[in-house]
Amino acid sequence: MSNALPAKLRGTVRHFKGNGRKLGYPTANIDANTNLADGVYFGFADLEQYTHQPALVFIGTPTTVGDTGRRVETHLLDIADVDYYGHDITLDVQFFHRSNLTFDSIDELLVAMKNDETTARAWFATNV
């Protein structure tokens, strides 16, 4: 695996289990077609009317929620929770934040996700 950044990823948004939405972080999901290392990244997304929208990008297998397939999940900050299934998304992945982890509970995962968002917002404040 690689962490050669920046990296561009493209794909068509598809439906998975909706766990991100259930946890308060709806995501635009695409099949993983990247050699980037599994983990959480910060970058920018182009999706429909949103251009260069700050986004958290997860690459890997979300094992904490019992999933087994590797994919790319993107949470665009500060946009309405709308289904974009079938729409194309382009990601400009800029910064590696942390490796993928398996948490002992959903509560631990939620704490990590909130910390990821806080760190991302600080990163975007100086990198937009």
C-alpha atoms as a PDB file:
ATOM      1  CA  MET A   1       0.000   0.000   0.000  1.00  0.00           C
ATOM      2  CA  SER A   2       1.034   3.577  -0.597  1.00  0.00           C
ATOM      3  CA  ASN A   3       0.498   7.018   0.856  1.00  0.00           C
ATOM      4  CA  ALA A   4       1.570   8.942  -2.237  1.00  0.00           C
ATOM      5  CA  LEU A   5      -0.319  12.188  -1.801  1.00  0.00           C
ATOM      6  CA  PRO A   6      -2.003  14.117  -3.212  1.00  0.00           C
ATOM      7  CA  ALA A   7      -4.100  11.499  -4.989  1.00  0.00           C
ATOM      8  CA  LYS A   8      -7.189  11.729  -7.179  1.00  0.00           C
ATOM      9  CA  LEU A   9      -9.953   9.142  -6.820  1.00  0.00           C
ATOM     10  CA  ARG A  10     -13.074   8.909  -8.928  1.00  0.00           C
ATOM     11  CA  GLY A  11     -16.129   6.730  -8.835  1.00  0.00           C
ATOM     12  CA  THR A  12     -19.876   6.446  -8.882  1.00  0.00           C
ATOM     13  CA  VAL A  13     -21.639   6.795  -5.548  1.00  0.00           C
ATOM     14  CA  ARG A  14     -23.274   3.546  -4.551  1.00  0.00           C
ATOM     15  CA  HIS A  15     -25.406   2.306  -1.711  1.00  0.00           C
ATOM     16  CA  PHE A  16     -23.896   0.250   1.088  1.00  0.00           C
ATOM     17  CA  LYS A  17     -25.506  -0.434   4.489  1.00  0.00           C
ATOM     18  CA  GLY A  18     -26.096   3.184   5.537  1.00  0.00           C
ATOM     19  CA  ASN A  19     -23.998   2.892   8.698  1.00  0.00           C
ATOM     20  CA  GLY A  20     -22.430   6.322   8.216  1.00  0.00           C
ATOM     21  CA  ARG A  21     -25.847   7.961   8.128  1.00  0.00           C
ATOM     22  CA  LYS A  22     -26.971   5.990  11.212  1.00  0.00           C
ATOM     23  CA  LEU A  23     -23.875   7.218  13.073  1.00  0.00           C
ATOM     24  CA  GLY A  24     -24.429  10.864  12.080  1.00  0.00           C
ATOM     25  CA  TYR A  25     -21.803  10.899   9.324  1.00  0.00           C
ATOM     26  CA  PRO A  26     -23.528  10.187   5.999  1.00  0.00           C
ATOM     27  CA  THR A  27     -21.060   9.147   3.339  1.00  0.00           C
ATOM     28  CA  ALA A  28     -20.775   8.963  -0.409  1.00  0.00           C
ATOM     29  CA  ASN A  29     -19.365   5.480  -1.029  1.00  0.00           C
ATOM     30  CA  ILE A  30     -17.422   4.167  -3.995  1.00  0.00           C
ATOM     31  CA  ASP A  31     -15.739   0.837  -4.598  1.00  0.00           C
ATOM     32  CA  ALA A  32     -12.092   0.930  -3.569  1.00  0.00           C
ATOM     33  CA  ASN A  33      -9.869   1.304  -6.597  1.00  0.00           C
ATOM     34  CA  THR A  34      -6.779   2.716  -4.962  1.00  0.00           C
ATOM     35  CA  ASN A  35      -3.444   1.628  -3.608  1.00  0.00           C
ATOM     36  CA  LEU A  36      -3.571   4.224  -0.827  1.00  0.00           C
ATOM     37  CA  ALA A  37      -3.083   2.711   2.627  1.00  0.00           C
ATOM     38  CA  ASP A  38      -6.190   2.040   4.702  1.00  0.00           C
ATOM     39  CA  GLY A  39      -7.082   4.895   7.001  1.00  0.00           C
ATOM     40  CA  VAL A  40      -8.669   8.316   7.384  1.00  0.00           C
ATOM     41  CA  TYR A  41      -7.658  11.150   5.083  1.00  0.00           C
ATOM     42  CA  PHE A  42      -8.613  14.781   4.571  1.00  0.00           C
ATOM     43  CA  GLY A  43      -9.231  16.238   1.159  1.00  0.00           C
ATOM     44  CA  PHE A  44     -11.741  17.826  -1.148  1.00  0.00           C
ATOM     45  CA  ALA A  45     -14.690  16.430  -3.067  1.00  0.00           C
ATOM     46  CA  ASP A  46     -16.500  17.420  -6.233  1.00  0.00           C
ATOM     47  CA  LEU A  47     -20.052  16.060  -6.153  1.00  0.00           C
ATOM     48  CA  GLU A  48     -22.936  17.614  -8.041  1.00  0.00           C
ATOM     49  CA  GLN A  49     -23.122  21.313  -7.068  1.00  0.00           C
ATOM     50  CA  TYR A  50     -20.313  20.966  -4.504  1.00  0.00           C
ATOM     51  CA  THR A  51     -16.870  21.851  -5.803  1.00  0.00           C
ATOM     52  CA  HIS A  52     -13.698  21.569  -3.717  1.00  0.00           C
ATOM     53  CA  GLN A  53     -15.877  20.708  -0.688  1.00  0.00           C
ATOM     54  CA  PRO A  54     -13.885  19.808   2.460  1.00  0.00           C
ATOM     55  CA  ALA A  55     -14.260  16.091   3.132  1.00  0.00           C
ATOM     56  CA  LEU A  56     -13.100  13.274   5.370  1.00  0.00           C
ATOM     57  CA  VAL A  57     -12.188  10.189   3.363  1.00  0.00           C
ATOM     58  CA  PHE A  58     -12.078   6.695   4.826  1.00  0.00           C
ATOM     59  CA  ILE A  59     -10.307   4.008   2.827  1.00  0.00           C
ATOM     60  CA  GLY A  60     -10.529   0.430   4.011  1.00  0.00           C
ATOM     61  CA  THR A  61     -12.842  -2.105   5.565  1.00  0.00           C
ATOM     62  CA  PRO A  62     -15.123  -0.787   8.328  1.00  0.00           C
ATOM     63  CA  THR A  63     -14.574  -3.809  10.561  1.00  0.00           C
ATOM     64  CA  THR A  64     -16.022  -2.226  13.721  1.00  0.00           C
ATOM     65  CA  VAL A  65     -19.503  -2.401  12.158  1.00  0.00           C
ATOM     66  CA  GLY A  66     -18.924  -5.933  10.865  1.00  0.00           C
ATOM     67  CA  ASP A  67     -18.275  -5.163   7.203  1.00  0.00           C
ATOM     68  CA  THR A  68     -15.823  -7.222   5.165  1.00  0.00           C
ATOM     69  CA  GLY A  69     -15.420  -5.284   1.900  1.00  0.00           C
ATOM     70  CA  ARG A  70     -12.816  -2.601   1.240  1.00  0.00           C
ATOM     71  CA  ARG A  71     -14.140   0.673  -0.083  1.00  0.00           C
ATOM     72  CA  VAL A  72     -13.831   4.442  -0.069  1.00  0.00           C
ATOM     73  CA  GLU A  73     -16.322   6.383   2.063  1.00  0.00           C
ATOM     74  CA  THR A  74     -16.433  10.176   1.943  1.00  0.00           C
ATOM     75  CA  HIS A  75     -18.176  12.487   4.394  1.00  0.00           C
ATOM     76  CA  LEU A  76     -18.516  15.949   2.895  1.00  0.00           C
ATOM     77  CA  LEU A  77     -18.530  18.550   5.647  1.00  0.00           C
ATOM     78  CA  ASP A  78     -21.474  20.899   6.043  1.00  0.00           C
ATOM     79  CA  ILE A  79     -23.740  19.693   3.253  1.00  0.00           C
ATOM     80  CA  ALA A  80     -27.327  18.469   3.435  1.00  0.00           C
ATOM     81  CA  ASP A  81     -27.846  14.731   3.915  1.00  0.00           C
ATOM     82  CA  VAL A  82     -29.118  13.802   0.443  1.00  0.00           C
ATOM     83  CA  ASP A  83     -28.768  10.551  -1.507  1.00  0.00           C
ATOM     84  CA  TYR A  84     -26.310  10.862  -4.391  1.00  0.00           C
ATOM     85  CA  TYR A  85     -26.496   7.253  -5.580  1.00  0.00           C
ATOM     86  CA  GLY A  86     -25.481   6.939  -9.222  1.00  0.00           C
ATOM     87  CA  HIS A  87     -23.712  10.305  -9.299  1.00  0.00           C
ATOM     88  CA  ASP A  88     -20.016  10.680 -10.028  1.00  0.00           C
ATOM     89  CA  ILE A  89     -17.666  11.933  -7.331  1.00  0.00           C
ATOM     90  CA  THR A  90     -14.061  13.083  -7.617  1.00  0.00           C
ATOM     91  CA  LEU A  91     -11.833  13.160  -4.544  1.00  0.00           C
ATOM     92  CA  ASP A  92      -8.646  15.143  -4.134  1.00  0.00           C
ATOM     93  CA  VAL A  93      -7.035  13.299  -1.211  1.00  0.00           C
ATOM     94  CA  GLN A  94      -4.467  15.583   0.426  1.00  0.00           C
ATOM     95  CA  PHE A  95      -3.538  14.479   3.947  1.00  0.00           C
ATOM     96  CA  PHE A  96      -3.210  11.158   5.783  1.00  0.00           C
ATOM     97  CA  HIS A  97      -4.672  11.515   9.289  1.00  0.00           C
ATOM     98  CA  ARG A  98      -4.579   8.028  10.835  1.00  0.00           C
ATOM     99  CA  SER A  99      -4.606   4.320  10.085  1.00  0.00           C
ATOM    100  CA  ASN A 100      -7.778   2.249  10.009  1.00  0.00           C
ATOM    101  CA  LEU A 101      -8.604   0.778  13.417  1.00  0.00           C
ATOM    102  CA  THR A 102     -11.089  -1.747  14.735  1.00  0.00           C
ATOM    103  CA  PHE A 103     -12.803  -0.384  17.844  1.00  0.00           C
ATOM    104  CA  ASP A 104     -14.243  -2.445  20.684  1.00  0.00           C
ATOM    105  CA  SER A 105     -17.594  -0.667  20.477  1.00  0.00           C
ATOM    106  CA  ILE A 106     -19.662   1.705  18.355  1.00  0.00           C
ATOM    107  CA  ASP A 107     -19.277   4.294  21.144  1.00  0.00           C
ATOM    108  CA  GLU A 108     -15.472   4.152  20.767  1.00  0.00           C
ATOM    109  CA  LEU A 109     -15.858   4.486  17.004  1.00  0.00           C
ATOM    110  CA  LEU A 110     -18.089   7.546  17.451  1.00  0.00           C
ATOM    111  CA  VAL A 111     -15.529   9.212  19.737  1.00  0.00           C
ATOM    112  CA  ALA A 112     -12.832   8.605  17.124  1.00  0.00           C
ATOM    113  CA  MET A 113     -15.046   9.937  14.325  1.00  0.00           C
ATOM    114  CA  LYS A 114     -15.786  13.115  16.281  1.00  0.00           C
ATOM    115  CA  ASN A 115     -12.066  13.550  16.970  1.00  0.00           C
ATOM    116  CA  ASP A 116     -11.342  13.001  13.267  1.00  0.00           C
ATOM    117  CA  GLU A 117     -13.862  15.718  12.380  1.00  0.00           C
ATOM    118  CA  THR A 118     -12.380  18.170  14.909  1.00  0.00           C
ATOM    119  CA  THR A 119      -8.871  17.558  13.596  1.00  0.00           C
ATOM    120  CA  ALA A 120     -10.085  17.833   9.999  1.00  0.00           C
ATOM    121  CA  ARG A 121     -11.777  21.170  10.619  1.00  0.00           C
ATOM    122  CA  ALA A 122      -8.551  22.534  12.107  1.00  0.00           C
ATOM    123  CA  TRP A 123      -6.607  21.210   9.104  1.00  0.00           C
ATOM    124  CA  PHE A 124      -9.072  22.757   6.630  1.00  0.00           C
ATOM    125  CA  ALA A 125      -8.915  26.103   8.472  1.00  0.00           C
ATOM    126  CA  THR A 126      -5.299  26.412   7.342  1.00  0.00           C
ATOM    127  CA  ASN A 127      -5.419  24.449   4.063  1.00  0.00           C
ATOM    128  CA  VAL A 128      -8.471  25.691   2.142  1.00  0.00           C
END
